[in-house]
């Protein structure tokens, strides 16, 4: 069985009312995520977290 790997893009957000990480999207290959970030207006504010399908069950707190 081939494990599924996803690359989740987040944006660092800071403002008067809210500060933290904002979910942007899920990509199934890292190159697509990197290309999307490179084309954004402020690429330095984005980061990628990579997750791989676990052996059994579900992964918890993926978006933590």
PDB file of N, CA and C in Angstrom:
ATOM      1  N   UNK A   1       0.833  -1.185   0.000  1.00  0.00           N
ATOM      2  CA  UNK A   1       0.000   0.000   0.000  1.00  0.00           C
ATOM      3  C   UNK A   1       0.883   1.255   0.000  1.00  0.00           C
ATOM      4  N   UNK A   2       0.587   2.168  -0.863  1.00  0.00           N
ATOM      5  CA  UNK A   2       1.306   3.434  -0.914  1.00  0.00           C
ATOM      6  C   UNK A   2       0.653   4.424   0.040  1.00  0.00           C
ATOM      7  N   UNK A   3       1.462   5.029   0.879  1.00  0.00           N
ATOM      8  CA  UNK A   3       0.941   6.012   1.827  1.00  0.00           C
ATOM      9  C   UNK A   3       0.714   7.338   1.125  1.00  0.00           C
ATOM     10  N   UNK A   4      -0.352   8.003   1.492  1.00  0.00           N
ATOM     11  CA  UNK A   4      -0.655   9.318   0.934  1.00  0.00           C
ATOM     12  C   UNK A   4       0.092  10.369   1.745  1.00  0.00           C
ATOM     13  N   UNK A   5       0.715  11.286   1.054  1.00  0.00           N
ATOM     14  CA  UNK A   5       1.419  12.388   1.707  1.00  0.00           C
ATOM     15  C   UNK A   5       0.782  13.684   1.233  1.00  0.00           C
ATOM     16  N   UNK A   6       0.499  14.576   2.165  1.00  0.00           N
ATOM     17  CA  UNK A   6      -0.077  15.870   1.819  1.00  0.00           C
ATOM     18  C   UNK A   6       0.801  16.982   2.375  1.00  0.00           C
ATOM     19  N   UNK A   7       0.736  18.115   1.706  1.00  0.00           N
ATOM     20  CA  UNK A   7       1.509  19.292   2.096  1.00  0.00           C
ATOM     21  C   UNK A   7       0.494  20.406   2.349  1.00  0.00           C
ATOM     22  N   UNK A   8       0.397  20.806   3.587  1.00  0.00           N
ATOM     23  CA  UNK A   8      -0.600  21.793   3.981  1.00  0.00           C
ATOM     24  C   UNK A   8       0.075  23.153   4.109  1.00  0.00           C
ATOM     25  N   UNK A   9      -0.487  24.132   3.429  1.00  0.00           N
ATOM     26  CA  UNK A   9       0.069  25.484   3.433  1.00  0.00           C
ATOM     27  C   UNK A   9      -0.697  26.336   4.440  1.00  0.00           C
ATOM     28  N   UNK A  10       0.073  27.037   5.263  1.00  0.00           N
ATOM     29  CA  UNK A  10      -0.462  27.961   6.249  1.00  0.00           C
ATOM     30  C   UNK A  10       0.131  29.342   6.013  1.00  0.00           C
ATOM     31  N   UNK A  11      -0.564  30.350   6.477  1.00  0.00           N
ATOM     32  CA  UNK A  11      -0.073  31.728   6.403  1.00  0.00           C
ATOM     33  C   UNK A  11       0.009  32.281   7.819  1.00  0.00           C
ATOM     34  N   UNK A  12       1.134  32.913   8.131  1.00  0.00           N
ATOM     35  CA  UNK A  12       1.280  33.591   9.417  1.00  0.00           C
ATOM     36  C   UNK A  12       0.501  34.892   9.366  1.00  0.00           C
ATOM     37  N   UNK A  13      -0.438  35.042  10.291  1.00  0.00           N
ATOM     38  CA  UNK A  13      -1.310  36.214  10.314  1.00  0.00           C
ATOM     39  C   UNK A  13      -1.142  36.917  11.651  1.00  0.00           C
ATOM     40  N   UNK A  14      -0.958  38.217  11.584  1.00  0.00           N
ATOM     41  CA  UNK A  14      -0.924  38.993  12.823  1.00  0.00           C
ATOM     42  C   UNK A  14      -1.638  40.307  12.572  1.00  0.00           C
ATOM     43  N   UNK A  15      -2.460  40.636  13.493  1.00  0.00           N
ATOM     44  CA  UNK A  15      -3.224  41.860  13.356  1.00  0.00           C
ATOM     45  C   UNK A  15      -3.762  42.306  14.692  1.00  0.00           C
ATOM     46  N   UNK A  16      -4.588  43.301  14.638  1.00  0.00           N
ATOM     47  CA  UNK A  16      -5.132  43.879  15.859  1.00  0.00           C
ATOM     48  C   UNK A  16      -6.057  42.906  16.576  1.00  0.00           C
ATOM     49  N   UNK A  17      -6.873  42.173  15.825  1.00  0.00           N
ATOM     50  CA  UNK A  17      -7.853  41.270  16.424  1.00  0.00           C
ATOM     51  C   UNK A  17      -7.402  39.818  16.499  1.00  0.00           C
ATOM     52  N   UNK A  18      -6.522  39.398  15.617  1.00  0.00           N
ATOM     53  CA  UNK A  18      -6.173  37.985  15.521  1.00  0.00           C
ATOM     54  C   UNK A  18      -4.693  37.821  15.195  1.00  0.00           C
ATOM     55  N   UNK A  19      -4.081  36.822  15.801  1.00  0.00           N
ATOM     56  CA  UNK A  19      -2.696  36.497  15.508  1.00  0.00           C
ATOM     57  C   UNK A  19      -2.558  34.980  15.535  1.00  0.00           C
ATOM     58  N   UNK A  20      -1.915  34.414  14.544  1.00  0.00           N
ATOM     59  CA  UNK A  20      -1.736  32.967  14.494  1.00  0.00           C
ATOM     60  C   UNK A  20      -1.506  32.482  13.092  1.00  0.00           C
ATOM     61  N   UNK A  21      -1.856  31.236  12.850  1.00  0.00           N
ATOM     62  CA  UNK A  21      -1.669  30.623  11.541  1.00  0.00           C
ATOM     63  C   UNK A  21      -3.021  30.359  10.898  1.00  0.00           C
ATOM     64  N   UNK A  22      -3.144  30.742   9.650  1.00  0.00           N
ATOM     65  CA  UNK A  22      -4.382  30.580   8.901  1.00  0.00           C
ATOM     66  C   UNK A  22      -4.198  29.482   7.854  1.00  0.00           C
ATOM     67  N   UNK A  23      -5.126  28.520   7.844  1.00  0.00           N
ATOM     68  CA  UNK A  23      -5.096  27.450   6.850  1.00  0.00           C
ATOM     69  C   UNK A  23      -5.337  28.036   5.466  1.00  0.00           C
ATOM     70  N   UNK A  24      -4.515  27.622   4.485  1.00  0.00           N
ATOM     71  CA  UNK A  24      -4.658  28.113   3.118  1.00  0.00           C
ATOM     72  C   UNK A  24      -5.131  27.005   2.188  1.00  0.00           C
ATOM     73  N   UNK A  25      -4.458  25.858   2.204  1.00  0.00           N
ATOM     74  CA  UNK A  25      -4.845  24.796   1.294  1.00  0.00           C
ATOM     75  C   UNK A  25      -4.010  23.548   1.443  1.00  0.00           C
ATOM     76  N   UNK A  26      -4.462  22.483   0.767  1.00  0.00           N
ATOM     77  CA  UNK A  26      -3.787  21.190   0.790  1.00  0.00           C
ATOM     78  C   UNK A  26      -3.278  20.885  -0.616  1.00  0.00           C
ATOM     79  N   UNK A  27      -2.035  20.479  -0.692  1.00  0.00           N
ATOM     80  CA  UNK A  27      -1.414  20.104  -1.969  1.00  0.00           C
ATOM     81  C   UNK A  27      -0.901  18.677  -1.854  1.00  0.00           C
ATOM     82  N   UNK A  28      -0.955  17.938  -2.954  1.00  0.00           N
ATOM     83  CA  UNK A  28      -0.526  16.545  -2.929  1.00  0.00           C
ATOM     84  C   UNK A  28       0.900  16.350  -3.411  1.00  0.00           C
ATOM     85  N   UNK A  29       1.564  17.426  -3.796  1.00  0.00           N
ATOM     86  CA  UNK A  29       3.003  17.352  -4.045  1.00  0.00           C
ATOM     87  C   UNK A  29       3.623  18.677  -3.593  1.00  0.00           C
ATOM     88  N   UNK A  30       4.818  18.556  -3.029  1.00  0.00           N
ATOM     89  CA  UNK A  30       5.483  19.715  -2.419  1.00  0.00           C
ATOM     90  C   UNK A  30       5.802  20.811  -3.448  1.00  0.00           C
ATOM     91  N   UNK A  31       6.162  20.408  -4.638  1.00  0.00           N
ATOM     92  CA  UNK A  31       6.508  21.388  -5.683  1.00  0.00           C
ATOM     93  C   UNK A  31       5.332  22.316  -5.977  1.00  0.00           C
ATOM     94  N   UNK A  32       4.118  21.782  -6.050  1.00  0.00           N
ATOM     95  CA  UNK A  32       2.936  22.616  -6.288  1.00  0.00           C
ATOM     96  C   UNK A  32       2.735  23.610  -5.157  1.00  0.00           C
ATOM     97  N   UNK A  33       2.941  23.160  -3.931  1.00  0.00           N
ATOM     98  CA  UNK A  33       2.801  24.055  -2.775  1.00  0.00           C
ATOM     99  C   UNK A  33       3.852  25.156  -2.830  1.00  0.00           C
ATOM    100  N   UNK A  34       5.087  24.788  -3.140  1.00  0.00           N
ATOM    101  CA  UNK A  34       6.164  25.779  -3.221  1.00  0.00           C
ATOM    102  C   UNK A  34       5.922  26.776  -4.352  1.00  0.00           C
ATOM    103  N   UNK A  35       5.445  26.294  -5.496  1.00  0.00           N
ATOM    104  CA  UNK A  35       5.151  27.182  -6.616  1.00  0.00           C
ATOM    105  C   UNK A  35       4.040  28.162  -6.258  1.00  0.00           C
ATOM    106  N   UNK A  36       3.007  27.663  -5.572  1.00  0.00           N
ATOM    107  CA  UNK A  36       1.890  28.528  -5.170  1.00  0.00           C
ATOM    108  C   UNK A  36       2.380  29.626  -4.233  1.00  0.00           C
ATOM    109  N   UNK A  37       3.225  29.252  -3.270  1.00  0.00           N
ATOM    110  CA  UNK A  37       3.772  30.233  -2.323  1.00  0.00           C
ATOM    111  C   UNK A  37       4.638  31.254  -3.054  1.00  0.00           C
ATOM    112  N   UNK A  38       5.466  30.792  -3.970  1.00  0.00           N
ATOM    113  CA  UNK A  38       6.369  31.684  -4.710  1.00  0.00           C
ATOM    114  C   UNK A  38       5.601  32.740  -5.505  1.00  0.00           C
ATOM    115  N   UNK A  39       4.399  32.395  -5.950  1.00  0.00           N
ATOM    116  CA  UNK A  39       3.594  33.330  -6.736  1.00  0.00           C
ATOM    117  C   UNK A  39       2.725  34.249  -5.889  1.00  0.00           C
ATOM    118  N   UNK A  40       2.710  34.024  -4.574  1.00  0.00           N
ATOM    119  CA  UNK A  40       1.872  34.860  -3.706  1.00  0.00           C
ATOM    120  C   UNK A  40       2.516  36.231  -3.492  1.00  0.00           C
ATOM    121  N   UNK A  41       1.722  37.162  -2.991  1.00  0.00           N
ATOM    122  CA  UNK A  41       2.182  38.535  -2.801  1.00  0.00           C
ATOM    123  C   UNK A  41       3.261  38.647  -1.720  1.00  0.00           C
ATOM    124  N   UNK A  42       3.129  37.864  -0.643  1.00  0.00           N
ATOM    125  CA  UNK A  42       4.089  37.900   0.475  1.00  0.00           C
ATOM    126  C   UNK A  42       4.547  36.480   0.807  1.00  0.00           C
ATOM    127  N   UNK A  43       5.409  35.882  -0.028  1.00  0.00           N
ATOM    128  CA  UNK A  43       5.787  34.475   0.173  1.00  0.00           C
ATOM    129  C   UNK A  43       6.455  34.186   1.517  1.00  0.00           C
ATOM    130  N   UNK A  44       7.083  35.171   2.121  1.00  0.00           N
ATOM    131  CA  UNK A  44       7.756  34.952   3.405  1.00  0.00           C
ATOM    132  C   UNK A  44       6.772  34.681   4.550  1.00  0.00           C
ATOM    133  N   UNK A  45       5.490  34.954   4.349  1.00  0.00           N
ATOM    134  CA  UNK A  45       4.488  34.741   5.396  1.00  0.00           C
ATOM    135  C   UNK A  45       3.875  33.335   5.364  1.00  0.00           C
ATOM    136  N   UNK A  46       4.242  32.520   4.380  1.00  0.00           N
ATOM    137  CA  UNK A  46       3.658  31.192   4.229  1.00  0.00           C
ATOM    138  C   UNK A  46       4.644  30.110   4.634  1.00  0.00           C
ATOM    139  N   UNK A  47       4.106  28.987   5.095  1.00  0.00           N
ATOM    140  CA  UNK A  47       4.954  27.838   5.384  1.00  0.00           C
ATOM    141  C   UNK A  47       4.177  26.559   5.099  1.00  0.00           C
ATOM    142  N   UNK A  48       4.931  25.474   4.942  1.00  0.00           N
ATOM    143  CA  UNK A  48       4.357  24.177   4.564  1.00  0.00           C
ATOM    144  C   UNK A  48       4.595  23.178   5.686  1.00  0.00           C
ATOM    145  N   UNK A  49       3.560  22.422   6.021  1.00  0.00           N
ATOM    146  CA  UNK A  49       3.694  21.288   6.935  1.00  0.00           C
ATOM    147  C   UNK A  49       3.319  20.044   6.138  1.00  0.00           C
ATOM    148  N   UNK A  50       4.147  19.008   6.248  1.00  0.00           N
ATOM    149  CA  UNK A  50       3.932  17.778   5.494  1.00  0.00           C
ATOM    150  C   UNK A  50       3.458  16.668   6.426  1.00  0.00           C
ATOM    151  N   UNK A  51       2.417  15.965   5.999  1.00  0.00           N
ATOM    152  CA  UNK A  51       1.868  14.862   6.778  1.00  0.00           C
ATOM    153  C   UNK A  51       1.754  13.638   5.893  1.00  0.00           C
ATOM    154  N   UNK A  52       2.044  12.479   6.503  1.00  0.00           N
ATOM    155  CA  UNK A  52       1.941  11.215   5.791  1.00  0.00           C
ATOM    156  C   UNK A  52       0.884  10.356   6.456  1.00  0.00           C
ATOM    157  N   UNK A  53       0.162   9.608   5.645  1.00  0.00           N
ATOM    158  CA  UNK A  53      -0.880   8.724   6.154  1.00  0.00           C
ATOM    159  C   UNK A  53      -0.289   7.789   7.209  1.00  0.00           C
ATOM    160  N   UNK A  54      -0.934   7.665   8.382  1.00  0.00           N
ATOM    161  CA  UNK A  54      -0.414   6.791   9.440  1.00  0.00           C
ATOM    162  C   UNK A  54      -0.588   5.313   9.088  1.00  0.00           C
ATOM    163  N   UNK A  55       0.119   4.449   9.804  1.00  0.00           N
ATOM    164  CA  UNK A  55       0.019   3.008   9.581  1.00  0.00           C
ATOM    165  C   UNK A  55      -1.406   2.515   9.786  1.00  0.00           C
ATOM    166  N   UNK A  56      -2.038   2.979  10.852  1.00  0.00           N
ATOM    167  CA  UNK A  56      -3.409   2.556  11.149  1.00  0.00           C
ATOM    168  C   UNK A  56      -4.139   3.699  11.830  1.00  0.00           C
ATOM    169  N   UNK A  57      -5.437   3.759  11.640  1.00  0.00           N
ATOM    170  CA  UNK A  57      -6.224   4.782  12.302  1.00  0.00           C
ATOM    171  C   UNK A  57      -6.138   6.119  11.607  1.00  0.00           C
ATOM    172  N   UNK A  58      -6.323   7.166  12.379  1.00  0.00           N
ATOM    173  CA  UNK A  58      -6.308   8.517  11.832  1.00  0.00           C
ATOM    174  C   UNK A  58      -5.270   9.355  12.551  1.00  0.00           C
ATOM    175  N   UNK A  59      -4.806  10.378  11.881  1.00  0.00           N
ATOM    176  CA  UNK A  59      -3.894  11.338  12.493  1.00  0.00           C
ATOM    177  C   UNK A  59      -4.727  12.378  13.228  1.00  0.00           C
ATOM    178  N   UNK A  60      -4.313  12.728  14.402  1.00  0.00           N
ATOM    179  CA  UNK A  60      -5.039  13.711  15.202  1.00  0.00           C
ATOM    180  C   UNK A  60      -4.331  15.049  15.192  1.00  0.00           C
ATOM    181  N   UNK A  61      -5.078  16.112  15.305  1.00  0.00           N
ATOM    182  CA  UNK A  61      -4.535  17.475  15.389  1.00  0.00           C
ATOM    183  C   UNK A  61      -3.653  17.822  14.208  1.00  0.00           C
ATOM    184  N   UNK A  62      -4.091  17.463  13.030  1.00  0.00           N
ATOM    185  CA  UNK A  62      -3.309  17.769  11.822  1.00  0.00           C
ATOM    186  C   UNK A  62      -3.157  19.265  11.643  1.00  0.00           C
ATOM    187  N   UNK A  63      -4.215  20.025  11.964  1.00  0.00           N
ATOM    188  CA  UNK A  63      -4.189  21.465  11.747  1.00  0.00           C
ATOM    189  C   UNK A  63      -3.794  22.238  12.983  1.00  0.00           C
ATOM    190  N   UNK A  64      -3.124  21.606  13.938  1.00  0.00           N
ATOM    191  CA  UNK A  64      -2.731  22.287  15.171  1.00  0.00           C
ATOM    192  C   UNK A  64      -1.597  23.239  14.931  1.00  0.00           C
TER     193      UNK A  64
END
